[in-house]
Protein backbone atom coordinates (compact mmCIF):
# COMPACT_ATOMS: atom_id res chain seq x y z
CA MET A 1 96.87 129.24 106.03
CA GLY A 2 97.68 130.34 102.68
CA THR A 3 99.87 127.82 101.69
CA LEU A 4 97.28 124.93 103.00
CA LEU A 5 94.65 126.84 100.82
CA LEU A 6 96.42 127.15 97.55
CA ARG A 7 97.55 123.24 98.03
CA LEU A 8 93.45 122.44 98.21
CA ILE A 9 92.15 124.95 95.73
CA LEU A 10 93.64 124.19 92.20
CA SER A 11 92.54 124.68 89.02
CA VAL A 12 90.34 121.60 87.78
CA SER A 13 89.19 120.31 84.40
CA VAL A 14 89.05 116.80 85.01
CA CYS A 15 87.99 114.65 87.92
CA CYS A 16 88.69 111.58 89.14
CA PHE A 17 86.46 110.41 91.61
CA ALA A 18 86.07 107.14 94.03
CA SER A 19 84.13 106.49 97.36
CA GLY A 20 83.60 109.95 98.91
CA ILE A 21 84.17 113.65 98.17
CA LEU A 22 85.29 115.59 95.49
CA ALA A 23 88.58 114.85 93.42
CA LEU A 24 90.58 117.30 92.17
CA VAL A 25 93.00 116.58 89.32
CA PRO A 26 94.66 119.86 87.99
CA ALA A 27 94.17 120.54 84.23
CA SER A 28 98.20 120.18 83.65
CA GLY A 29 97.97 116.64 85.33
CA GLU A 30 100.74 118.40 88.02
CA GLU A 31 101.12 117.76 91.65
CA ILE A 32 97.50 117.02 93.53
CA VAL A 33 96.53 117.72 96.96
CA LYS A 34 99.07 115.89 99.30
CA ASP A 35 96.61 115.99 102.25
CA TRP A 36 93.90 113.71 103.37
CA PRO A 37 91.03 116.20 103.57
CA HIS A 38 88.32 113.57 103.60
CA TRP A 39 87.63 110.07 104.35
CA ARG A 40 88.91 108.80 101.14
CA GLY A 41 91.99 110.97 100.52
CA PRO A 42 92.81 113.57 98.37
CA ASP A 43 91.32 112.44 95.27
CA GLY A 44 88.56 110.26 96.43
CA SER A 45 90.04 107.01 95.63
CA GLY A 46 91.72 105.83 98.96
CA VAL A 47 95.23 106.34 97.03
CA ALA A 48 98.05 108.61 98.53
CA VAL A 49 99.65 109.29 94.75
CA HIS A 50 102.98 110.47 96.06
CA SER A 51 103.29 108.40 99.12
CA ASN A 52 105.68 105.59 100.04
CA PRO A 53 104.70 104.50 103.66
CA PRO A 54 106.24 101.63 105.48
CA THR A 55 104.47 98.30 104.45
CA THR A 56 105.84 96.71 107.58
CA TRP A 57 104.68 97.28 111.28
CA SER A 58 104.05 96.17 114.77
CA GLU A 59 103.32 97.63 118.24
CA THR A 60 107.17 98.03 118.56
CA GLU A 61 108.05 98.67 114.83
CA ASN A 62 107.74 101.94 112.54
CA ILE A 63 105.37 103.35 114.95
CA LYS A 64 106.05 107.00 115.18
CA TRP A 65 103.62 107.74 118.08
CA LYS A 66 100.60 106.07 119.65
CA ILE A 67 97.99 108.31 121.65
CA ASP A 68 94.95 107.34 123.72
CA LEU A 69 91.36 108.45 122.24
CA PRO A 70 88.78 109.55 124.33
CA GLY A 71 85.08 108.19 123.67
CA ALA A 72 84.37 106.06 120.75
CA GLY A 73 84.25 106.54 116.97
CA SER A 74 84.67 104.58 113.65
CA SER A 75 85.39 108.08 111.67
CA THR A 76 88.57 108.27 109.79
CA PRO A 77 90.88 111.25 110.91
CA ILE A 78 91.58 113.93 108.47
CA ILE A 79 94.79 115.58 107.97
CA LEU A 80 95.51 119.04 106.99
CA GLY A 81 98.87 120.69 107.17
CA ASP A 82 100.61 119.83 110.21
CA ARG A 83 97.06 118.82 112.13
CA ILE A 84 95.30 115.97 112.67
CA TYR A 85 90.99 116.03 113.00
CA VAL A 86 89.47 113.53 114.98
CA SER A 87 85.53 113.10 115.76
CA THR A 88 84.13 111.02 118.99
CA ALA A 89 81.69 110.61 121.42
CA VAL A 90 82.14 110.30 125.25
CA LYS A 91 79.93 108.88 127.07
CA THR A 92 79.49 110.78 130.32
CA GLU A 93 78.36 109.97 133.79
CA ARG A 94 75.19 112.10 133.38
CA VAL A 95 71.82 110.60 132.96
CA ALA A 96 68.47 111.52 131.71
CA GLU A 97 65.79 112.10 134.61
CA GLY A 98 62.34 112.27 134.84
CA ASN A 99 60.32 111.68 131.85
CA ALA A 100 63.47 112.13 129.73
CA ALA A 101 64.63 109.19 131.20
CA SER A 102 61.52 106.99 130.58
CA GLU A 103 61.59 108.13 126.90
CA ALA A 104 65.39 107.43 126.57
CA SER A 105 65.30 103.72 128.20
CA ALA A 106 62.24 102.83 125.60
CA THR A 107 63.08 100.48 122.89
CA THR A 108 62.75 102.41 119.85
CA GLU A 109 61.02 101.03 116.95
CA VAL A 110 59.91 101.79 113.65
CA ALA A 111 57.19 99.92 111.67
CA PRO A 112 58.12 98.28 108.69
CA GLN A 113 57.05 100.33 105.74
CA GLU A 114 55.81 98.67 102.51
CA ARG A 115 57.30 99.86 99.43
CA THR A 116 56.97 98.81 95.81
CA SER A 117 59.15 101.06 93.78
CA GLY A 118 62.56 99.76 92.57
CA ASN A 119 63.58 96.63 93.93
CA ARG A 120 63.67 97.55 97.54
CA PRO A 121 62.80 94.87 100.05
CA GLY A 122 59.47 95.06 101.13
CA GLN A 123 60.23 95.66 105.46
CA ARG A 124 63.24 96.34 107.78
CA ARG A 125 65.21 93.33 108.76
CA ARG A 126 67.48 93.08 111.69
CA GLY A 127 70.68 91.90 111.82
CA GLY A 128 73.39 91.68 108.58
CA ARG A 129 76.31 93.98 109.81
CA GLY A 130 77.90 91.24 112.18
CA GLY A 131 75.65 91.66 115.22
CA PHE A 132 72.51 93.49 116.10
CA GLY A 133 70.56 96.57 116.21
CA GLY A 134 67.83 97.24 118.53
CA GLY A 135 67.58 97.41 121.81
CA ARG A 136 67.07 99.95 124.79
CA SER A 137 67.99 103.48 123.80
CA PRO A 138 70.77 104.93 125.78
CA THR A 139 69.86 106.88 129.14
CA ASN A 140 73.30 108.65 129.54
CA TYR A 141 74.52 111.96 128.06
CA TYR A 142 77.18 111.85 125.47
CA ASP A 143 79.78 114.79 124.32
CA PHE A 144 79.97 114.69 121.14
CA VAL A 145 83.75 115.92 120.39
CA VAL A 146 85.98 117.24 117.79
CA LEU A 147 89.89 117.11 118.57
CA ALA A 148 92.88 118.53 116.84
CA PHE A 149 96.33 116.76 117.05
CA ASP A 150 99.90 117.65 115.96
CA ARG A 151 101.00 115.71 113.36
CA ALA A 152 104.54 115.30 114.23
CA THR A 153 104.39 114.38 117.65
CA GLY A 154 100.47 113.48 118.34
CA LYS A 155 100.08 116.11 121.05
CA GLU A 156 96.36 117.25 121.63
CA ILE A 157 96.01 121.06 120.52
CA TRP A 158 92.44 121.34 121.24
CA GLN A 159 89.12 119.83 122.00
CA THR A 160 85.78 120.93 121.47
CA THR A 161 82.39 119.69 122.39
CA VAL A 162 79.96 120.76 119.94
CA THR A 163 76.96 119.36 121.78
CA GLU A 164 75.62 117.27 124.57
CA GLN A 165 73.36 114.62 124.15
CA ILE A 166 71.55 111.50 124.53
CA PRO A 167 71.14 109.53 121.60
CA HIS A 168 67.74 108.65 120.73
CA GLU A 169 68.57 105.13 119.32
CA SER A 170 71.20 102.22 120.60
CA GLY A 171 72.51 101.59 117.19
CA HIS A 172 74.21 98.30 115.83
CA ASN A 173 76.66 96.55 118.27
CA THR A 174 79.18 97.32 115.92
CA ASN A 175 78.75 101.11 114.96
CA THR A 176 79.25 104.37 117.24
CA PHE A 177 77.71 107.44 117.80
CA ALA A 178 80.77 109.16 115.72
CA SER A 179 80.84 107.20 112.44
CA ALA A 180 80.81 110.13 109.73
CA SER A 181 84.26 111.54 108.96
CA PRO A 182 85.17 115.27 109.23
CA VAL A 183 85.88 117.08 106.32
CA THR A 184 87.64 120.43 105.28
CA ASP A 185 87.64 122.81 102.18
CA GLY A 186 91.02 124.53 103.54
CA GLU A 187 88.72 127.13 104.96
CA ARG A 188 86.76 125.61 107.78
CA LEU A 189 86.29 122.12 109.20
CA TYR A 190 82.75 120.29 109.17
CA VAL A 191 81.62 117.55 111.12
CA SER A 192 78.46 115.86 111.09
CA PHE A 193 77.05 113.81 114.07
CA GLY A 194 73.86 113.31 112.07
CA SER A 195 70.74 113.53 114.50
CA ARG A 196 72.79 115.48 116.92
CA GLY A 197 73.51 118.02 114.17
CA VAL A 198 75.97 119.21 111.93
CA PHE A 199 78.56 121.42 112.94
CA CYS A 200 81.15 123.98 111.40
CA LEU A 201 84.28 125.13 113.14
CA ASP A 202 87.51 127.07 112.65
CA PHE A 203 90.81 125.57 112.88
CA ASP A 204 91.31 126.61 116.35
CA GLY A 205 88.36 124.83 117.28
CA LYS A 206 85.90 127.52 117.84
CA GLN A 207 82.49 126.71 116.64
CA LEU A 208 80.77 128.78 113.69
CA TRP A 209 77.74 127.42 113.02
CA ASP A 210 75.32 124.15 113.42
CA VAL A 211 72.13 122.83 111.86
CA GLN A 212 69.85 120.42 113.44
CA LEU A 213 68.18 118.15 110.33
CA GLY A 214 66.07 116.03 112.89
CA LYS A 215 66.19 112.64 114.11
CA MET A 216 67.22 109.69 111.85
CA GLN A 217 64.57 106.53 112.21
CA THR A 218 67.52 104.29 110.99
CA ARG A 219 66.61 100.67 109.52
CA ALA A 220 66.71 98.35 112.61
CA GLN A 221 68.42 100.90 114.75
CA PHE A 222 71.83 99.95 113.06
CA GLY A 223 72.79 103.82 113.58
CA GLU A 224 74.15 106.21 111.12
CA GLY A 225 77.26 106.99 109.13
CA SER A 226 76.98 108.78 105.89
CA SER A 227 79.54 111.63 105.74
CA PRO A 228 78.85 115.00 104.56
CA ALA A 229 80.60 116.02 101.26
CA VAL A 230 82.03 119.70 100.36
CA HIS A 231 82.99 121.64 97.23
CA ASP A 232 82.69 125.01 95.55
CA GLY A 233 81.02 126.71 99.02
CA THR A 234 78.41 123.85 99.53
CA LEU A 235 78.38 121.30 101.98
CA VAL A 236 75.89 118.39 100.88
CA VAL A 237 74.73 116.19 103.79
CA PRO A 238 72.76 113.04 102.84
CA TRP A 239 69.85 112.16 105.01
CA ASP A 240 68.24 108.25 104.09
CA HIS A 241 66.25 107.04 106.90
CA GLU A 242 63.13 104.92 107.50
CA GLY A 243 61.25 108.20 107.61
CA ASP A 244 61.20 111.10 105.08
CA SER A 245 64.42 110.69 103.29
CA PHE A 246 66.03 113.64 101.88
CA ILE A 247 69.35 115.34 100.23
CA VAL A 248 70.39 118.74 101.49
CA ALA A 249 72.54 121.35 100.48
CA LEU A 250 73.95 123.86 102.97
CA ASP A 251 75.91 127.54 102.50
CA ALA A 252 79.39 126.37 104.21
CA LYS A 253 79.97 129.71 105.22
CA THR A 254 76.64 130.17 107.03
CA GLY A 255 74.93 126.97 107.04
CA ASN A 256 72.12 128.30 105.45
CA GLU A 257 69.83 126.02 103.48
CA LYS A 258 70.72 126.15 99.59
CA TRP A 259 68.16 123.63 98.27
CA ARG A 260 66.57 120.18 99.93
CA VAL A 261 65.20 117.32 97.50
CA ALA A 262 63.29 114.48 98.66
CA ARG A 263 64.52 110.72 98.19
CA ASP A 264 62.39 107.63 98.00
CA GLU A 265 65.27 105.70 100.04
CA GLN A 266 65.14 103.70 103.02
CA THR A 267 68.39 103.88 105.26
CA THR A 268 71.56 104.68 103.63
CA TRP A 269 74.98 104.71 104.81
CA SER A 270 77.04 106.08 101.75
CA THR A 271 78.93 109.08 101.40
CA PRO A 272 78.07 111.25 98.26
CA LEU A 273 80.36 111.72 95.43
CA ILE A 274 81.00 115.07 94.10
CA THR A 275 82.69 115.09 90.62
CA GLU A 276 82.45 117.48 87.53
CA TYR A 277 81.60 116.36 84.22
CA ASP A 278 81.27 118.51 81.17
CA GLY A 279 81.16 121.57 83.00
CA ARG A 280 78.62 120.33 85.63
CA ILE A 281 79.18 119.44 89.27
CA GLN A 282 77.44 116.06 89.89
CA VAL A 283 76.58 114.87 93.43
CA VAL A 284 76.00 111.01 93.00
CA THR A 285 74.39 108.95 95.70
CA ASN A 286 74.14 105.20 96.17
CA GLY A 287 70.83 103.86 97.40
CA THR A 288 69.08 100.70 97.42
CA THR A 289 66.08 101.85 94.98
CA ARG A 290 68.26 104.16 92.69
CA VAL A 291 71.88 105.63 92.34
CA ARG A 292 71.02 109.30 91.58
CA SER A 293 72.77 112.11 90.37
CA TYR A 294 71.83 115.63 91.35
CA ASP A 295 73.16 119.32 90.02
CA LEU A 296 75.26 120.66 92.77
CA HIS A 297 74.05 124.10 91.89
CA ASN A 298 70.28 123.62 92.39
CA GLY A 299 69.77 120.00 93.45
CA GLU A 300 67.95 119.24 89.68
CA LEU A 301 67.91 115.03 89.42
CA ILE A 302 70.16 114.71 85.96
CA TRP A 303 70.45 110.80 86.00
CA GLU A 304 69.23 107.62 87.74
CA CYS A 305 69.73 103.93 87.56
CA GLY A 306 68.06 101.19 89.57
CA GLY A 307 69.41 97.66 90.15
CA GLN A 308 71.50 98.04 93.66
CA ALA A 309 70.90 95.70 96.53
CA GLY A 310 69.80 96.74 100.16
CA ASN A 311 71.38 98.60 102.76
CA PRO A 312 74.04 100.63 100.74
CA VAL A 313 77.37 101.57 102.56
CA PRO A 314 79.95 101.75 99.60
CA THR A 315 80.53 105.33 98.33
CA PRO A 316 80.94 105.63 94.73
CA VAL A 317 84.38 105.55 92.54
CA ARG A 318 84.93 107.87 89.55
CA PHE A 319 86.94 106.33 86.47
CA GLU A 320 87.45 108.44 83.75
CA ASP A 321 83.74 109.52 82.43
CA ASN A 322 82.03 106.67 84.57
CA VAL A 323 81.00 106.24 88.06
CA ILE A 324 81.23 102.83 89.73
CA VAL A 325 78.65 102.26 92.67
CA MET A 326 78.30 98.82 94.46
CA THR A 327 76.37 97.17 97.12
CA GLY A 328 76.99 93.66 98.77
CA TYR A 329 74.23 93.03 101.21
CA ARG A 330 71.27 90.33 100.61
CA GLY A 331 72.26 90.25 96.99
CA ASN A 332 75.32 91.74 94.83
CA ALA A 333 75.51 94.61 92.65
CA VAL A 334 78.67 96.54 90.85
CA TYR A 335 77.28 98.90 88.16
CA SER A 336 79.40 101.33 85.97
CA ILE A 337 77.63 103.98 84.72
CA PRO A 338 78.33 107.25 82.19
CA LEU A 339 78.40 110.51 83.72
CA SER A 340 76.85 111.63 80.37
CA SER A 341 73.80 109.90 81.63
CA GLN A 342 70.52 111.50 81.55
CA GLY A 343 67.04 110.76 82.96
CA ASP A 344 66.29 106.77 84.16
CA ILE A 345 68.93 104.38 82.46
CA THR A 346 67.71 101.31 84.53
CA GLY A 347 67.50 98.03 82.60
CA THR A 348 69.38 100.15 79.21
CA ASP A 349 72.18 99.54 77.05
CA ALA A 350 73.59 103.32 78.35
CA ILE A 351 75.07 101.14 81.58
CA THR A 352 78.99 100.90 80.58
CA TRP A 353 78.87 97.31 82.33
CA TYR A 354 77.54 95.28 85.29
CA ASN A 355 78.32 92.40 87.61
CA GLU A 356 76.21 90.94 90.32
CA ASP A 357 78.61 87.84 91.58
CA ALA A 358 80.31 89.54 94.47
CA ALA A 359 80.59 93.59 96.09
CA PRO A 360 81.39 94.68 99.64
CA TYR A 361 78.92 95.42 102.22
CA VAL A 362 80.48 98.04 104.26
CA PRO A 363 84.13 98.71 102.93
CA SER A 364 84.38 100.75 99.91
CA PRO A 365 86.40 99.84 96.80
CA VAL A 366 89.68 101.21 96.27
CA LEU A 367 90.66 102.16 92.96
CA TYR A 368 94.50 102.18 91.96
CA LYS A 369 95.87 102.69 88.55
CA GLY A 370 92.61 101.71 86.71
CA GLN A 371 92.18 98.84 88.98
CA LEU A 372 89.47 98.23 91.41
CA TYR A 373 90.04 96.04 94.50
CA PHE A 374 87.40 95.11 97.12
CA VAL A 375 86.02 92.51 99.62
CA LYS A 376 83.26 90.31 99.24
CA SER A 377 80.47 91.59 101.84
CA ASN A 378 82.62 92.17 104.86
CA ASN A 379 84.79 89.23 104.44
CA GLY A 380 88.40 89.20 103.85
CA VAL A 381 87.63 87.55 100.46
CA LEU A 382 89.41 89.88 97.32
CA ILE A 383 88.10 90.35 94.13
CA SER A 384 90.02 92.72 91.79
CA ARG A 385 88.19 94.13 88.45
CA ASP A 386 89.34 96.39 85.50
CA ALA A 387 87.57 99.61 86.12
CA LYS A 388 87.30 100.24 82.08
CA SER A 389 85.83 96.97 81.09
CA GLY A 390 84.94 95.24 84.16
CA GLU A 391 86.68 91.91 83.40
CA GLU A 392 87.78 89.93 86.88
CA LEU A 393 91.67 90.35 87.30
CA ILE A 394 91.78 88.52 90.35
CA GLY A 395 88.67 86.21 90.97
CA GLN A 396 87.90 85.73 94.84
CA THR A 397 90.91 84.91 97.05
CA ARG A 398 91.22 84.66 100.81
CA LEU A 399 93.36 87.51 102.17
CA GLN A 400 95.17 85.25 105.00
CA GLY A 401 94.93 86.59 108.42
CA ILE A 402 91.82 88.99 107.33
CA SER A 403 88.53 87.45 108.62
CA MET A 404 85.92 90.31 108.96
CA MET A 405 86.71 94.08 107.48
CA TYR A 406 85.06 97.61 107.91
CA ALA A 407 87.51 99.48 107.06
CA SER A 408 87.93 100.58 103.40
CA PRO A 409 91.33 99.61 101.59
CA VAL A 410 93.58 102.23 100.89
CA ALA A 411 96.67 102.52 98.25
CA ALA A 412 100.45 104.15 97.98
CA ALA A 413 103.36 103.10 96.15
CA ASP A 414 102.13 100.03 94.10
CA HIS A 415 100.63 98.37 97.27
CA ILE A 416 96.97 97.91 98.73
CA PHE A 417 96.66 98.03 102.51
CA PHE A 418 93.48 95.87 103.51
CA THR A 419 92.84 96.48 107.52
CA GLY A 420 90.52 94.15 109.10
CA ARG A 421 88.63 94.43 112.42
CA ASP A 422 91.24 92.61 114.70
CA GLY A 423 94.05 95.45 113.89
CA THR A 424 95.49 93.21 111.13
CA THR A 425 96.32 94.67 108.06
CA LEU A 426 97.69 92.76 104.84
CA VAL A 427 99.92 94.42 102.56
CA ILE A 428 99.56 93.04 98.86
CA LYS A 429 101.26 94.11 95.56
CA HIS A 430 99.44 95.81 93.02
CA GLY A 431 98.58 93.64 90.02
CA ASN A 432 96.57 90.92 88.49
CA ALA A 433 97.78 88.24 90.80
CA LEU A 434 97.66 88.09 94.66
CA GLU A 435 101.27 88.29 96.15
CA ILE A 436 101.33 89.15 99.84
CA VAL A 437 103.96 91.53 101.10
CA ALA A 438 103.55 91.93 104.63
CA THR A 439 101.07 90.77 107.13
CA ASN A 440 101.14 93.53 110.42
CA LYS A 441 99.25 93.25 113.51
CA LEU A 442 98.35 96.05 116.31
CA ASP A 443 96.37 95.70 119.78
CA ASP A 444 93.84 97.38 118.51
CA GLU A 445 90.29 97.03 117.05
CA ILE A 446 90.04 98.97 113.93
CA ASP A 447 86.94 100.14 111.77
CA ALA A 448 88.19 103.38 110.66
CA SER A 449 89.80 103.71 107.24
CA ALA A 450 93.37 104.51 107.39
CA ALA A 451 94.48 108.04 106.17
CA ILE A 452 97.90 108.25 104.35
CA VAL A 453 99.98 111.49 104.09
CA ASP A 454 103.42 111.93 102.93
CA ASP A 455 104.80 108.64 103.92
CA GLU A 456 103.14 107.89 107.14
CA ILE A 457 99.78 105.96 107.43
CA PHE A 458 97.28 107.03 110.22
CA LEU A 459 95.03 104.31 111.86
CA ARG A 460 92.32 105.19 113.92
CA GLY A 461 91.64 102.19 116.59
CA LYS A 462 88.88 101.52 119.25
CA SER A 463 91.37 103.08 121.86
CA HIS A 464 94.43 104.73 119.92
CA LEU A 465 95.62 106.76 117.21
CA TYR A 466 98.56 105.58 115.31
CA CYS A 467 100.94 107.22 113.53
CA ILE A 468 103.07 104.59 111.15
CA ALA A 469 106.30 105.66 109.48
CA LYS A 470 109.66 104.31 109.00
């Protein structure tokens, strides 16, 4: 593990972050991490800087291997060295008995919460993600599983069931019970199954610790989806729901709680951004009421900014000394906020730029060479903006062949990859005009964001995991 750890622990003086966890950029500007240690890649932007993967593929072309996956999950696989790690939830034949069965089969409802802070909607609403939440809770037990595969062959190396539980909510009909992506710091593997627990494993699949944070009451029973973030021995877990929301920092080695801060937020599905500015590590969280930045060391609130829309899902992206946040459900908001901010900057000139024309709902943006690429809501409608100024570079343009997207776009070798829910991936050329390079179709539904390592693309479908290579 020495070589792998060296690749992950680099001297850092500048951070360039987008949509997820910490972005590590070496002080000298030399080679950054080449693996995919969390769901938005090595520098958090959704970009594989050193890769040159295929731009064309099908079920019979440029498929290095294709394997069946047990259970269901929409989490992104992560890659470290010669291994791929995947989380999934496997429905078993075991059912609840007696009182447990009655409780499990009851429809879970959370009373609407009237709050007036920020621009939060007055109450919970149903629908909005291409399906519906609510309904009867499961009565079957699920195995919550972490798997390791050999990157070269797709052969399973180990499989660990970390817990077996009956989910207390039905979830959105397009969500799964394994939506949060694993994360690694090169020392251990961390997987959040939300209400089922947060788990730490070693690279041989041995469980080292687990932490139970309670049961989320998600908005309209849409289910859970925020991934944890890790940096400098601290694992950060967001816990925004219809109950008492909070964000908590755990010791990555032991699972012991370092700090916990209450949050005035409804359900959020966004993953925190952890990034360094002026010698201070900031944890930036999206939210309906406020975008907030906390000090990683002690949880102190550094700055906050209102103006977002409801149901935040996209995670923040860093460009230079600003962080860009987006929400696109029943309203649109794209804000660029200086990391030098202090206190509440809502509605002030401190905001670098903002736009309310179009924003993504579920997919996060990709930031490539100073250019933001994202879709409108969950639709196959492309928008591209200059990350520095907010200037529109590509206006709302239909991505032919993509009707609905949950997966976040990724980029490599001057190409941007957009994957639709039906398994179609549209590849476009980086630039200020839409230039379609290829349209690729696989025989699987895909909601998980792609991972790119070296010259290989890893796509997790509803039933299969693909390795795409020339």
